PDB file of N, CA and C in Angstrom:
ATOM      1  N   UNK A   1       0.209 -58.947 116.309  1.00  0.00           N
ATOM      2  CA  UNK A   1       1.660 -59.029 116.302  1.00  0.00           C
ATOM      3  C   UNK A   1       2.206 -58.518 117.637  1.00  0.00           C
ATOM      4  N   UNK A   2       3.249 -59.123 118.091  1.00  0.00           N
ATOM      5  CA  UNK A   2       3.851 -58.760 119.370  1.00  0.00           C
ATOM      6  C   UNK A   2       4.688 -57.486 119.197  1.00  0.00           C
ATOM      7  N   UNK A   3       4.574 -56.586 120.169  1.00  0.00           N
ATOM      8  CA  UNK A   3       5.288 -55.312 120.097  1.00  0.00           C
ATOM      9  C   UNK A   3       6.631 -55.413 120.829  1.00  0.00           C
ATOM     10  N   UNK A   4       7.467 -54.415 120.599  1.00  0.00           N
ATOM     11  CA  UNK A   4       8.770 -54.370 121.266  1.00  0.00           C
ATOM     12  C   UNK A   4       8.601 -54.298 122.785  1.00  0.00           C
ATOM     13  N   UNK A   5       7.612 -53.551 123.251  1.00  0.00           N
ATOM     14  CA  UNK A   5       7.357 -53.465 124.694  1.00  0.00           C
ATOM     15  C   UNK A   5       7.053 -54.831 125.285  1.00  0.00           C
ATOM     16  N   UNK A   6       6.261 -55.621 124.566  1.00  0.00           N
ATOM     17  CA  UNK A   6       5.916 -56.955 125.057  1.00  0.00           C
ATOM     18  C   UNK A   6       7.128 -57.875 125.066  1.00  0.00           C
ATOM     19  N   UNK A   7       7.956 -57.779 124.045  1.00  0.00           N
ATOM     20  CA  UNK A   7       9.179 -58.595 123.997  1.00  0.00           C
ATOM     21  C   UNK A   7      10.091 -58.240 125.168  1.00  0.00           C
ATOM     22  N   UNK A   8      10.260 -56.946 125.422  1.00  0.00           N
ATOM     23  CA  UNK A   8      11.108 -56.520 126.538  1.00  0.00           C
ATOM     24  C   UNK A   8      10.529 -56.962 127.880  1.00  0.00           C
ATOM     25  N   UNK A   9       9.214 -56.925 128.008  1.00  0.00           N
ATOM     26  CA  UNK A   9       8.575 -57.390 129.246  1.00  0.00           C
ATOM     27  C   UNK A   9       8.799 -58.880 129.456  1.00  0.00           C
ATOM     28  N   UNK A  10       8.711 -59.644 128.385  1.00  0.00           N
ATOM     29  CA  UNK A  10       8.948 -61.090 128.476  1.00  0.00           C
ATOM     30  C   UNK A  10      10.397 -61.372 128.856  1.00  0.00           C
ATOM     31  N   UNK A  11      11.324 -60.647 128.245  1.00  0.00           N
ATOM     32  CA  UNK A  11      12.744 -60.813 128.579  1.00  0.00           C
ATOM     33  C   UNK A  11      12.985 -60.456 130.045  1.00  0.00           C
ATOM     34  N   UNK A  12      12.350 -59.376 130.518  1.00  0.00           N
ATOM     35  CA  UNK A  12      12.507 -58.959 131.915  1.00  0.00           C
ATOM     36  C   UNK A  12      12.021 -60.051 132.864  1.00  0.00           C
ATOM     37  N   UNK A  13      10.865 -60.624 132.565  1.00  0.00           N
ATOM     38  CA  UNK A  13      10.314 -61.677 133.426  1.00  0.00           C
ATOM     39  C   UNK A  13      11.209 -62.915 133.404  1.00  0.00           C
ATOM     40  N   UNK A  14      11.706 -63.274 132.233  1.00  0.00           N
ATOM     41  CA  UNK A  14      12.601 -64.439 132.131  1.00  0.00           C
ATOM     42  C   UNK A  14      13.901 -64.207 132.894  1.00  0.00           C
ATOM     43  N   UNK A  15      14.442 -62.991 132.818  1.00  0.00           N
ATOM     44  CA  UNK A  15      15.641 -62.666 133.599  1.00  0.00           C
ATOM     45  C   UNK A  15      15.364 -62.837 135.092  1.00  0.00           C
ATOM     46  N   UNK A  16      14.222 -62.322 135.520  1.00  0.00           N
ATOM     47  CA  UNK A  16      13.885 -62.442 136.934  1.00  0.00           C
ATOM     48  C   UNK A  16      13.754 -63.903 137.344  1.00  0.00           C
ATOM     49  N   UNK A  17      13.071 -64.698 136.524  1.00  0.00           N
ATOM     50  CA  UNK A  17      12.905 -66.115 136.846  1.00  0.00           C
ATOM     51  C   UNK A  17      14.244 -66.843 136.909  1.00  0.00           C
ATOM     52  N   UNK A  18      15.142 -66.521 135.979  1.00  0.00           N
ATOM     53  CA  UNK A  18      16.466 -67.152 135.985  1.00  0.00           C
ATOM     54  C   UNK A  18      17.237 -66.769 137.249  1.00  0.00           C
ATOM     55  N   UNK A  19      17.182 -65.495 137.613  1.00  0.00           N
ATOM     56  CA  UNK A  19      17.854 -65.051 138.828  1.00  0.00           C
ATOM     57  C   UNK A  19      17.248 -65.666 140.078  1.00  0.00           C
ATOM     58  N   UNK A  20      15.918 -65.785 140.103  1.00  0.00           N
ATOM     59  CA  UNK A  20      15.250 -66.381 141.263  1.00  0.00           C
ATOM     60  C   UNK A  20      15.613 -67.855 141.395  1.00  0.00           C
ATOM     61  N   UNK A  21      15.649 -68.569 140.273  1.00  0.00           N
ATOM     62  CA  UNK A  21      16.024 -69.988 140.315  1.00  0.00           C
ATOM     63  C   UNK A  21      17.440 -70.142 140.857  1.00  0.00           C
ATOM     64  N   UNK A  22      18.335 -69.291 140.387  1.00  0.00           N
ATOM     65  CA  UNK A  22      19.716 -69.347 140.874  1.00  0.00           C
ATOM     66  C   UNK A  22      19.781 -68.969 142.357  1.00  0.00           C
ATOM     67  N   UNK A  23      18.936 -68.027 142.754  1.00  0.00           N
ATOM     68  CA  UNK A  23      18.908 -67.603 144.150  1.00  0.00           C
ATOM     69  C   UNK A  23      18.437 -68.726 145.064  1.00  0.00           C
ATOM     70  N   UNK A  24      17.408 -69.456 144.644  1.00  0.00           N
ATOM     71  CA  UNK A  24      16.919 -70.565 145.458  1.00  0.00           C
ATOM     72  C   UNK A  24      17.963 -71.668 145.565  1.00  0.00           C
ATOM     73  N   UNK A  25      18.746 -71.860 144.508  1.00  0.00           N
ATOM     74  CA  UNK A  25      19.778 -72.899 144.536  1.00  0.00           C
ATOM     75  C   UNK A  25      21.008 -72.459 145.311  1.00  0.00           C
ATOM     76  N   UNK A  26      21.375 -71.192 145.172  1.00  0.00           N
ATOM     77  CA  UNK A  26      22.627 -70.726 145.745  1.00  0.00           C
ATOM     78  C   UNK A  26      22.494 -69.896 146.998  1.00  0.00           C
ATOM     79  N   UNK A  27      21.317 -69.831 147.591  1.00  0.00           N
ATOM     80  CA  UNK A  27      21.159 -69.085 148.834  1.00  0.00           C
ATOM     81  C   UNK A  27      21.189 -67.583 148.673  1.00  0.00           C
ATOM     82  N   UNK A  28      20.815 -67.072 147.525  1.00  0.00           N
ATOM     83  CA  UNK A  28      20.770 -65.623 147.320  1.00  0.00           C
ATOM     84  C   UNK A  28      22.116 -65.020 146.992  1.00  0.00           C
ATOM     85  N   UNK A  29      22.832 -65.626 146.063  1.00  0.00           N
ATOM     86  CA  UNK A  29      24.154 -65.120 145.688  1.00  0.00           C
ATOM     87  C   UNK A  29      24.050 -63.746 145.028  1.00  0.00           C
ATOM     88  N   UNK A  30      25.167 -63.050 144.980  1.00  0.00           N
ATOM     89  CA  UNK A  30      25.220 -61.716 144.378  1.00  0.00           C
ATOM     90  C   UNK A  30      24.831 -61.762 142.902  1.00  0.00           C
ATOM     91  N   UNK A  31      25.267 -62.791 142.197  1.00  0.00           N
ATOM     92  CA  UNK A  31      24.937 -62.918 140.769  1.00  0.00           C
ATOM     93  C   UNK A  31      23.429 -63.040 140.589  1.00  0.00           C
ATOM     94  N   UNK A  32      22.785 -63.844 141.428  1.00  0.00           N
ATOM     95  CA  UNK A  32      21.335 -64.007 141.303  1.00  0.00           C
ATOM     96  C   UNK A  32      20.612 -62.694 141.581  1.00  0.00           C
ATOM     97  N   UNK A  33      21.086 -61.941 142.557  1.00  0.00           N
ATOM     98  CA  UNK A  33      20.492 -60.636 142.844  1.00  0.00           C
ATOM     99  C   UNK A  33      20.652 -59.682 141.667  1.00  0.00           C
ATOM    100  N   UNK A  34      21.815 -59.725 141.024  1.00  0.00           N
ATOM    101  CA  UNK A  34      22.056 -58.843 139.879  1.00  0.00           C
ATOM    102  C   UNK A  34      21.161 -59.217 138.700  1.00  0.00           C
ATOM    103  N   UNK A  35      20.974 -60.512 138.459  1.00  0.00           N
ATOM    104  CA  UNK A  35      20.126 -60.951 137.347  1.00  0.00           C
ATOM    105  C   UNK A  35      18.675 -60.567 137.618  1.00  0.00           C
ATOM    106  N   UNK A  36      18.201 -60.805 138.844  1.00  0.00           N
ATOM    107  CA  UNK A  36      16.826 -60.415 139.178  1.00  0.00           C
ATOM    108  C   UNK A  36      16.653 -58.902 139.093  1.00  0.00           C
ATOM    109  N   UNK A  37      17.638 -58.153 139.581  1.00  0.00           N
ATOM    110  CA  UNK A  37      17.565 -56.695 139.519  1.00  0.00           C
ATOM    111  C   UNK A  37      17.542 -56.200 138.082  1.00  0.00           C
ATOM    112  N   UNK A  38      18.316 -56.844 137.212  1.00  0.00           N
ATOM    113  CA  UNK A  38      18.302 -56.468 135.793  1.00  0.00           C
ATOM    114  C   UNK A  38      16.912 -56.689 135.203  1.00  0.00           C
ATOM    115  N   UNK A  39      16.265 -57.785 135.579  1.00  0.00           N
ATOM    116  CA  UNK A  39      14.912 -58.049 135.095  1.00  0.00           C
ATOM    117  C   UNK A  39      13.917 -57.010 135.578  1.00  0.00           C
ATOM    118  N   UNK A  40      13.994 -56.665 136.855  1.00  0.00           N
ATOM    119  CA  UNK A  40      13.074 -55.668 137.411  1.00  0.00           C
ATOM    120  C   UNK A  40      13.339 -54.299 136.788  1.00  0.00           C
ATOM    121  N   UNK A  41      14.605 -53.927 136.640  1.00  0.00           N
ATOM    122  CA  UNK A  41      14.925 -52.635 136.021  1.00  0.00           C
ATOM    123  C   UNK A  41      14.469 -52.578 134.568  1.00  0.00           C
ATOM    124  N   UNK A  42      14.647 -53.668 133.827  1.00  0.00           N
ATOM    125  CA  UNK A  42      14.168 -53.707 132.445  1.00  0.00           C
ATOM    126  C   UNK A  42      12.654 -53.568 132.406  1.00  0.00           C
ATOM    127  N   UNK A  43      11.962 -54.193 133.346  1.00  0.00           N
ATOM    128  CA  UNK A  43      10.509 -54.059 133.412  1.00  0.00           C
ATOM    129  C   UNK A  43      10.112 -52.613 133.704  1.00  0.00           C
ATOM    130  N   UNK A  44      10.825 -51.962 134.615  1.00  0.00           N
ATOM    131  CA  UNK A  44      10.546 -50.555 134.924  1.00  0.00           C
ATOM    132  C   UNK A  44      10.768 -49.670 133.703  1.00  0.00           C
ATOM    133  N   UNK A  45      11.890 -49.892 133.026  1.00  0.00           N
ATOM    134  CA  UNK A  45      12.201 -49.103 131.829  1.00  0.00           C
ATOM    135  C   UNK A  45      11.142 -49.330 130.758  1.00  0.00           C
ATOM    136  N   UNK A  46      10.721 -50.569 130.596  1.00  0.00           N
ATOM    137  CA  UNK A  46       9.691 -50.896 129.610  1.00  0.00           C
ATOM    138  C   UNK A  46       8.379 -50.202 129.948  1.00  0.00           C
ATOM    139  N   UNK A  47       8.100 -50.026 131.226  1.00  0.00           N
ATOM    140  CA  UNK A  47       6.876 -49.344 131.638  1.00  0.00           C
ATOM    141  C   UNK A  47       6.971 -47.838 131.438  1.00  0.00           C
ATOM    142  N   UNK A  48       8.171 -47.276 131.574  1.00  0.00           N
ATOM    143  CA  UNK A  48       8.343 -45.824 131.504  1.00  0.00           C
ATOM    144  C   UNK A  48       8.548 -45.319 130.071  1.00  0.00           C
ATOM    145  N   UNK A  49       9.215 -46.092 129.235  1.00  0.00           N
ATOM    146  CA  UNK A  49       9.551 -45.608 127.887  1.00  0.00           C
ATOM    147  C   UNK A  49       8.345 -45.183 127.046  1.00  0.00           C
ATOM    148  N   UNK A  50       7.219 -45.885 127.081  1.00  0.00           N
ATOM    149  CA  UNK A  50       6.075 -45.390 126.303  1.00  0.00           C
ATOM    150  C   UNK A  50       5.590 -44.017 126.777  1.00  0.00           C
ATOM    151  N   UNK A  51       5.708 -43.738 128.069  1.00  0.00           N
ATOM    152  CA  UNK A  51       5.310 -42.429 128.590  1.00  0.00           C
ATOM    153  C   UNK A  51       6.203 -41.320 128.056  1.00  0.00           C
ATOM    154  N   UNK A  52       7.441 -41.655 127.754  1.00  0.00           N
ATOM    155  CA  UNK A  52       8.387 -40.678 127.220  1.00  0.00           C
ATOM    156  C   UNK A  52       8.329 -40.579 125.702  1.00  0.00           C
ATOM    157  N   UNK A  53       7.518 -41.440 125.085  1.00  0.00           N
ATOM    158  CA  UNK A  53       7.384 -41.421 123.635  1.00  0.00           C
ATOM    159  C   UNK A  53       8.458 -42.203 122.906  1.00  0.00           C
ATOM    160  N   UNK A  54       9.272 -42.970 123.627  1.00  0.00           N
ATOM    161  CA  UNK A  54      10.357 -43.721 122.996  1.00  0.00           C
ATOM    162  C   UNK A  54       9.843 -45.032 122.411  1.00  0.00           C
ATOM    163  N   UNK A  55       8.956 -45.716 123.129  1.00  0.00           N
ATOM    164  CA  UNK A  55       8.314 -46.933 122.628  1.00  0.00           C
ATOM    165  C   UNK A  55       6.828 -46.651 122.464  1.00  0.00           C
ATOM    166  N   UNK A  56       6.199 -47.251 121.448  1.00  0.00           N
ATOM    167  CA  UNK A  56       4.751 -47.054 121.327  1.00  0.00           C
ATOM    168  C   UNK A  56       4.024 -47.764 122.464  1.00  0.00           C
ATOM    169  N   UNK A  57       2.971 -47.142 123.003  1.00  0.00           N
ATOM    170  CA  UNK A  57       2.230 -47.805 124.082  1.00  0.00           C
ATOM    171  C   UNK A  57       1.467 -49.010 123.559  1.00  0.00           C
ATOM    172  N   UNK A  58       1.191 -49.956 124.461  1.00  0.00           N
ATOM    173  CA  UNK A  58       0.391 -51.117 124.077  1.00  0.00           C
ATOM    174  C   UNK A  58      -1.052 -50.659 123.892  1.00  0.00           C
ATOM    175  N   UNK A  59      -1.653 -51.090 122.804  1.00  0.00           N
ATOM    176  CA  UNK A  59      -3.037 -50.704 122.524  1.00  0.00           C
ATOM    177  C   UNK A  59      -3.992 -51.567 123.340  1.00  0.00           C
ATOM    178  N   UNK A  60      -5.016 -50.930 123.872  1.00  0.00           N
ATOM    179  CA  UNK A  60      -6.075 -51.674 124.552  1.00  0.00           C
ATOM    180  C   UNK A  60      -7.383 -50.925 124.357  1.00  0.00           C
ATOM    181  N   UNK A  61      -8.471 -51.661 124.393  1.00  0.00           N
ATOM    182  CA  UNK A  61      -9.768 -51.041 124.199  1.00  0.00           C
ATOM    183  C   UNK A  61     -10.223 -50.383 125.487  1.00  0.00           C
ATOM    184  N   UNK A  62     -11.114 -49.425 125.356  1.00  0.00           N
ATOM    185  CA  UNK A  62     -11.623 -48.720 126.530  1.00  0.00           C
ATOM    186  C   UNK A  62     -12.391 -49.660 127.454  1.00  0.00           C
ATOM    187  N   UNK A  63     -12.965 -50.720 126.900  1.00  0.00           N
ATOM    188  CA  UNK A  63     -13.732 -51.671 127.709  1.00  0.00           C
ATOM    189  C   UNK A  63     -12.859 -52.388 128.728  1.00  0.00           C
ATOM    190  N   UNK A  64     -11.596 -52.523 128.450  1.00  0.00           N
ATOM    191  CA  UNK A  64     -10.707 -53.299 129.313  1.00  0.00           C
ATOM    192  C   UNK A  64      -9.696 -52.417 130.044  1.00  0.00           C
ATOM    193  N   UNK A  65      -9.975 -51.125 130.101  1.00  0.00           N
ATOM    194  CA  UNK A  65      -9.051 -50.209 130.760  1.00  0.00           C
ATOM    195  C   UNK A  65      -8.881 -50.560 132.242  1.00  0.00           C
ATOM    196  N   UNK A  66      -9.957 -50.979 132.898  1.00  0.00           N
ATOM    197  CA  UNK A  66      -9.879 -51.338 134.310  1.00  0.00           C
ATOM    198  C   UNK A  66      -8.972 -52.549 134.521  1.00  0.00           C
ATOM    199  N   UNK A  67      -9.066 -53.531 133.633  1.00  0.00           N
ATOM    200  CA  UNK A  67      -8.221 -54.724 133.734  1.00  0.00           C
ATOM    201  C   UNK A  67      -6.754 -54.339 133.558  1.00  0.00           C
ATOM    202  N   UNK A  68      -6.476 -53.472 132.600  1.00  0.00           N
ATOM    203  CA  UNK A  68      -5.104 -53.010 132.378  1.00  0.00           C
ATOM    204  C   UNK A  68      -4.604 -52.249 133.602  1.00  0.00           C
ATOM    205  N   UNK A  69      -5.464 -51.450 134.224  1.00  0.00           N
ATOM    206  CA  UNK A  69      -5.059 -50.717 135.428  1.00  0.00           C
ATOM    207  C   UNK A  69      -4.728 -51.675 136.576  1.00  0.00           C
ATOM    208  N   UNK A  70      -5.489 -52.767 136.701  1.00  0.00           N
ATOM    209  CA  UNK A  70      -5.147 -53.780 137.703  1.00  0.00           C
ATOM    210  C   UNK A  70      -3.764 -54.362 137.417  1.00  0.00           C
ATOM    211  N   UNK A  71      -3.465 -54.580 136.146  1.00  0.00           N
ATOM    212  CA  UNK A  71      -2.146 -55.073 135.761  1.00  0.00           C
ATOM    213  C   UNK A  71      -1.047 -54.098 136.136  1.00  0.00           C
ATOM    214  N   UNK A  72      -1.306 -52.817 135.925  1.00  0.00           N
ATOM    215  CA  UNK A  72      -0.321 -51.785 136.275  1.00  0.00           C
ATOM    216  C   UNK A  72      -0.102 -51.756 137.786  1.00  0.00           C
ATOM    217  N   UNK A  73      -1.189 -51.837 138.550  1.00  0.00           N
ATOM    218  CA  UNK A  73      -1.057 -51.832 140.012  1.00  0.00           C
ATOM    219  C   UNK A  73      -0.305 -53.068 140.509  1.00  0.00           C
ATOM    220  N   UNK A  74      -0.579 -54.216 139.907  1.00  0.00           N
ATOM    221  CA  UNK A  74       0.162 -55.426 140.277  1.00  0.00           C
ATOM    222  C   UNK A  74       1.645 -55.275 139.950  1.00  0.00           C
ATOM    223  N   UNK A  75       1.939 -54.666 138.804  1.00  0.00           N
ATOM    224  CA  UNK A  75       3.331 -54.430 138.428  1.00  0.00           C
ATOM    225  C   UNK A  75       4.046 -53.555 139.442  1.00  0.00           C
ATOM    226  N   UNK A  76       3.374 -52.502 139.898  1.00  0.00           N
ATOM    227  CA  UNK A  76       3.963 -51.629 140.909  1.00  0.00           C
ATOM    228  C   UNK A  76       4.187 -52.393 142.212  1.00  0.00           C
ATOM    229  N   UNK A  77       3.219 -53.241 142.589  1.00  0.00           N
ATOM    230  CA  UNK A  77       3.358 -54.060 143.794  1.00  0.00           C
ATOM    231  C   UNK A  77       4.554 -55.008 143.680  1.00  0.00           C
ATOM    232  N   UNK A  78       4.764 -55.558 142.497  1.00  0.00           N
ATOM    233  CA  UNK A  78       5.918 -56.438 142.255  1.00  0.00           C
ATOM    234  C   UNK A  78       7.213 -55.679 142.514  1.00  0.00           C
ATOM    235  N   UNK A  79       7.309 -54.454 142.003  1.00  0.00           N
ATOM    236  CA  UNK A  79       8.530 -53.663 142.202  1.00  0.00           C
ATOM    237  C   UNK A  79       8.770 -53.388 143.686  1.00  0.00           C
ATOM    238  N   UNK A  80       7.714 -53.020 144.399  1.00  0.00           N
ATOM    239  CA  UNK A  80       7.841 -52.722 145.832  1.00  0.00           C
ATOM    240  C   UNK A  80       8.263 -53.973 146.604  1.00  0.00           C
ATOM    241  N   UNK A  81       7.614 -55.093 146.310  1.00  0.00           N
ATOM    242  CA  UNK A  81       7.962 -56.333 147.014  1.00  0.00           C
ATOM    243  C   UNK A  81       9.383 -56.790 146.703  1.00  0.00           C
ATOM    244  N   UNK A  82       9.849 -56.543 145.490  1.00  0.00           N
ATOM    245  CA  UNK A  82      11.239 -56.891 145.191  1.00  0.00           C
ATOM    246  C   UNK A  82      12.183 -56.027 146.028  1.00  0.00           C
ATOM    247  N   UNK A  83      11.849 -54.760 146.199  1.00  0.00           N
ATOM    248  CA  UNK A  83      12.644 -53.899 147.075  1.00  0.00           C
ATOM    249  C   UNK A  83      12.663 -54.417 148.506  1.00  0.00           C
ATOM    250  N   UNK A  84      11.510 -54.886 148.981  1.00  0.00           N
ATOM    251  CA  UNK A  84      11.426 -55.485 150.318  1.00  0.00           C
ATOM    252  C   UNK A  84      12.316 -56.723 150.392  1.00  0.00           C
ATOM    253  N   UNK A  85      12.286 -57.537 149.338  1.00  0.00           N
ATOM    254  CA  UNK A  85      13.123 -58.743 149.311  1.00  0.00           C
ATOM    255  C   UNK A  85      14.604 -58.375 149.387  1.00  0.00           C
ATOM    256  N   UNK A  86      15.001 -57.326 148.683  1.00  0.00           N
ATOM    257  CA  UNK A  86      16.403 -56.896 148.745  1.00  0.00           C
ATOM    258  C   UNK A  86      16.783 -56.456 150.157  1.00  0.00           C
ATOM    259  N   UNK A  87      15.879 -55.756 150.828  1.00  0.00           N
ATOM    260  CA  UNK A  87      16.147 -55.352 152.211  1.00  0.00           C
ATOM    261  C   UNK A  87      16.266 -56.569 153.128  1.00  0.00           C
ATOM    262  N   UNK A  88      15.394 -57.541 152.938  1.00  0.00           N
ATOM    263  CA  UNK A  88      15.471 -58.764 153.745  1.00  0.00           C
ATOM    264  C   UNK A  88      16.772 -59.514 153.499  1.00  0.00           C
ATOM    265  N   UNK A  89      17.213 -59.537 152.259  1.00  0.00           N
ATOM    266  CA  UNK A  89      18.485 -60.198 151.945  1.00  0.00           C
ATOM    267  C   UNK A  89      19.635 -59.463 152.624  1.00  0.00           C
ATOM    268  N   UNK A  90      19.580 -58.155 152.598  1.00  0.00           N
ATOM    269  CA  UNK A  90      20.637 -57.350 153.209  1.00  0.00           C
ATOM    270  C   UNK A  90      20.696 -57.570 154.727  1.00  0.00           C
ATOM    271  N   UNK A  91      19.530 -57.858 155.317  1.00  0.00           N
ATOM    272  CA  UNK A  91      19.463 -58.114 156.762  1.00  0.00           C
ATOM    273  C   UNK A  91      19.750 -59.579 157.104  1.00  0.00           C
ATOM    274  N   UNK A  92      20.120 -60.362 156.096  1.00  0.00           N
ATOM    275  CA  UNK A  92      20.455 -61.785 156.268  1.00  0.00           C
ATOM    276  C   UNK A  92      19.271 -62.595 156.800  1.00  0.00           C
ATOM    277  N   UNK A  93      18.080 -62.257 156.349  1.00  0.00           N
ATOM    278  CA  UNK A  93      16.871 -63.004 156.716  1.00  0.00           C
ATOM    279  C   UNK A  93      16.472 -63.845 155.510  1.00  0.00           C
ATOM    280  N   UNK A  94      17.255 -64.897 155.270  1.00  0.00           N
ATOM    281  CA  UNK A  94      17.122 -65.694 154.049  1.00  0.00           C
ATOM    282  C   UNK A  94      15.757 -66.356 153.903  1.00  0.00           C
ATOM    283  N   UNK A  95      15.188 -66.846 154.985  1.00  0.00           N
ATOM    284  CA  UNK A  95      13.880 -67.491 154.901  1.00  0.00           C
ATOM    285  C   UNK A  95      12.812 -66.536 154.378  1.00  0.00           C
ATOM    286  N   UNK A  96      12.748 -65.362 154.985  1.00  0.00           N
ATOM    287  CA  UNK A  96      11.786 -64.350 154.542  1.00  0.00           C
ATOM    288  C   UNK A  96      12.108 -63.860 153.136  1.00  0.00           C
ATOM    289  N   UNK A  97      13.385 -63.694 152.858  1.00  0.00           N
ATOM    290  CA  UNK A  97      13.810 -63.247 151.526  1.00  0.00           C
ATOM    291  C   UNK A  97      13.284 -64.198 150.453  1.00  0.00           C
ATOM    292  N   UNK A  98      13.484 -65.489 150.640  1.00  0.00           N
ATOM    293  CA  UNK A  98      13.041 -66.461 149.638  1.00  0.00           C
ATOM    294  C   UNK A  98      11.514 -66.513 149.538  1.00  0.00           C
ATOM    295  N   UNK A  99      10.827 -66.337 150.643  1.00  0.00           N
ATOM    296  CA  UNK A  99       9.366 -66.318 150.591  1.00  0.00           C
ATOM    297  C   UNK A  99       8.859 -65.120 149.796  1.00  0.00           C
ATOM    298  N   UNK A 100       9.474 -63.964 150.005  1.00  0.00           N
ATOM    299  CA  UNK A 100       9.045 -62.770 149.267  1.00  0.00           C
ATOM    300  C   UNK A 100       9.387 -62.910 147.785  1.00  0.00           C
ATOM    301  N   UNK A 101      10.542 -63.481 147.464  1.00  0.00           N
ATOM    302  CA  UNK A 101      10.893 -63.707 146.056  1.00  0.00           C
ATOM    303  C   UNK A 101       9.874 -64.638 145.407  1.00  0.00           C
ATOM    304  N   UNK A 102       9.446 -65.661 146.121  1.00  0.00           N
ATOM    305  CA  UNK A 102       8.423 -66.570 145.592  1.00  0.00           C
ATOM    306  C   UNK A 102       7.108 -65.829 145.344  1.00  0.00           C
ATOM    307  N   UNK A 103       6.717 -64.972 146.272  1.00  0.00           N
ATOM    308  CA  UNK A 103       5.498 -64.173 146.094  1.00  0.00           C
ATOM    309  C   UNK A 103       5.646 -63.251 144.886  1.00  0.00           C
ATOM    310  N   UNK A 104       6.821 -62.655 144.723  1.00  0.00           N
ATOM    311  CA  UNK A 104       7.064 -61.778 143.568  1.00  0.00           C
ATOM    312  C   UNK A 104       6.927 -62.565 142.269  1.00  0.00           C
ATOM    313  N   UNK A 105       7.495 -63.761 142.225  1.00  0.00           N
ATOM    314  CA  UNK A 105       7.374 -64.599 141.019  1.00  0.00           C
ATOM    315  C   UNK A 105       5.912 -64.839 140.658  1.00  0.00           C
ATOM    316  N   UNK A 106       5.133 -65.220 141.644  1.00  0.00           N
ATOM    317  CA  UNK A 106       3.721 -65.536 141.404  1.00  0.00           C
ATOM    318  C   UNK A 106       2.947 -64.287 140.998  1.00  0.00           C
ATOM    319  N   UNK A 107       3.145 -63.187 141.731  1.00  0.00           N
ATOM    320  CA  UNK A 107       2.432 -61.952 141.396  1.00  0.00           C
ATOM    321  C   UNK A 107       2.826 -61.420 140.028  1.00  0.00           C
ATOM    322  N   UNK A 108       4.092 -61.544 139.664  1.00  0.00           N
ATOM    323  CA  UNK A 108       4.531 -61.064 138.354  1.00  0.00           C
ATOM    324  C   UNK A 108       3.865 -61.883 137.251  1.00  0.00           C
ATOM    325  N   UNK A 109       3.750 -63.193 137.449  1.00  0.00           N
ATOM    326  CA  UNK A 109       3.067 -64.028 136.465  1.00  0.00           C
ATOM    327  C   UNK A 109       1.605 -63.602 136.334  1.00  0.00           C
ATOM    328  N   UNK A 110       0.937 -63.411 137.471  1.00  0.00           N
ATOM    329  CA  UNK A 110      -0.460 -62.963 137.435  1.00  0.00           C
ATOM    330  C   UNK A 110      -0.554 -61.605 136.756  1.00  0.00           C
ATOM    331  N   UNK A 111       0.389 -60.723 137.051  1.00  0.00           N
ATOM    332  CA  UNK A 111       0.435 -59.398 136.430  1.00  0.00           C
ATOM    333  C   UNK A 111       0.519 -59.504 134.913  1.00  0.00           C
ATOM    334  N   UNK A 112       1.408 -60.335 134.421  1.00  0.00           N
ATOM    335  CA  UNK A 112       1.559 -60.504 132.969  1.00  0.00           C
ATOM    336  C   UNK A 112       0.266 -61.040 132.364  1.00  0.00           C
ATOM    337  N   UNK A 113      -0.334 -62.028 132.997  1.00  0.00           N
ATOM    338  CA  UNK A 113      -1.571 -62.615 132.469  1.00  0.00           C
ATOM    339  C   UNK A 113      -2.719 -61.608 132.478  1.00  0.00           C
ATOM    340  N   UNK A 114      -2.866 -60.859 133.566  1.00  0.00           N
ATOM    341  CA  UNK A 114      -3.930 -59.851 133.657  1.00  0.00           C
ATOM    342  C   UNK A 114      -3.723 -58.774 132.607  1.00  0.00           C
ATOM    343  N   UNK A 115      -2.495 -58.316 132.469  1.00  0.00           N
ATOM    344  CA  UNK A 115      -2.207 -57.255 131.503  1.00  0.00           C
ATOM    345  C   UNK A 115      -2.479 -57.733 130.078  1.00  0.00           C
ATOM    346  N   UNK A 116      -2.015 -58.923 129.739  1.00  0.00           N
ATOM    347  CA  UNK A 116      -2.259 -59.450 128.393  1.00  0.00           C
ATOM    348  C   UNK A 116      -3.743 -59.696 128.149  1.00  0.00           C
ATOM    349  N   UNK A 117      -4.453 -60.136 129.173  1.00  0.00           N
ATOM    350  CA  UNK A 117      -5.895 -60.323 129.046  1.00  0.00           C
ATOM    351  C   UNK A 117      -6.572 -58.985 128.731  1.00  0.00           C
ATOM    352  N   UNK A 118      -6.159 -57.941 129.439  1.00  0.00           N
ATOM    353  CA  UNK A 118      -6.742 -56.624 129.202  1.00  0.00           C
ATOM    354  C   UNK A 118      -6.408 -56.059 127.839  1.00  0.00           C
ATOM    355  N   UNK A 119      -5.233 -56.361 127.335  1.00  0.00           N
ATOM    356  CA  UNK A 119      -4.806 -55.817 126.044  1.00  0.00           C
ATOM    357  C   UNK A 119      -5.394 -56.604 124.883  1.00  0.00           C
ATOM    358  N   UNK A 120      -5.445 -57.925 124.985  1.00  0.00           N
ATOM    359  CA  UNK A 120      -5.807 -58.754 123.829  1.00  0.00           C
ATOM    360  C   UNK A 120      -7.197 -59.374 123.885  1.00  0.00           C
ATOM    361  N   UNK A 121      -7.950 -59.165 124.919  1.00  0.00           N
ATOM    362  CA  UNK A 121      -9.282 -59.778 124.988  1.00  0.00           C
ATOM    363  C   UNK A 121     -10.225 -59.164 124.000  1.00  0.00           C
TER     364      UNK A 121
END
């Protein structure tokens, strides 16, 4: 059965994808930045809440702990790269901004797949 943490992670990724799609169409509008930021912040909150005891942590077997750790590291890389993308947008470097957003989209997808593989394999 899917947990609340997983549902929130899926919603966060979908928010980011919607914001990125709007950003590619509209040249990085403020609304698209806000939607993507909401997705990234929701993902961060979803990652932190189990540590605080508010949400139950996702169960995984000890055999796949390394795979889950790779997922966590990819997630952290996604957050850092999104911050870089925001800085590039602020500097009006739209070409680089869109390239980094594309990399974030791809890495976030890989992150979700790796994490789910580690949890459910």
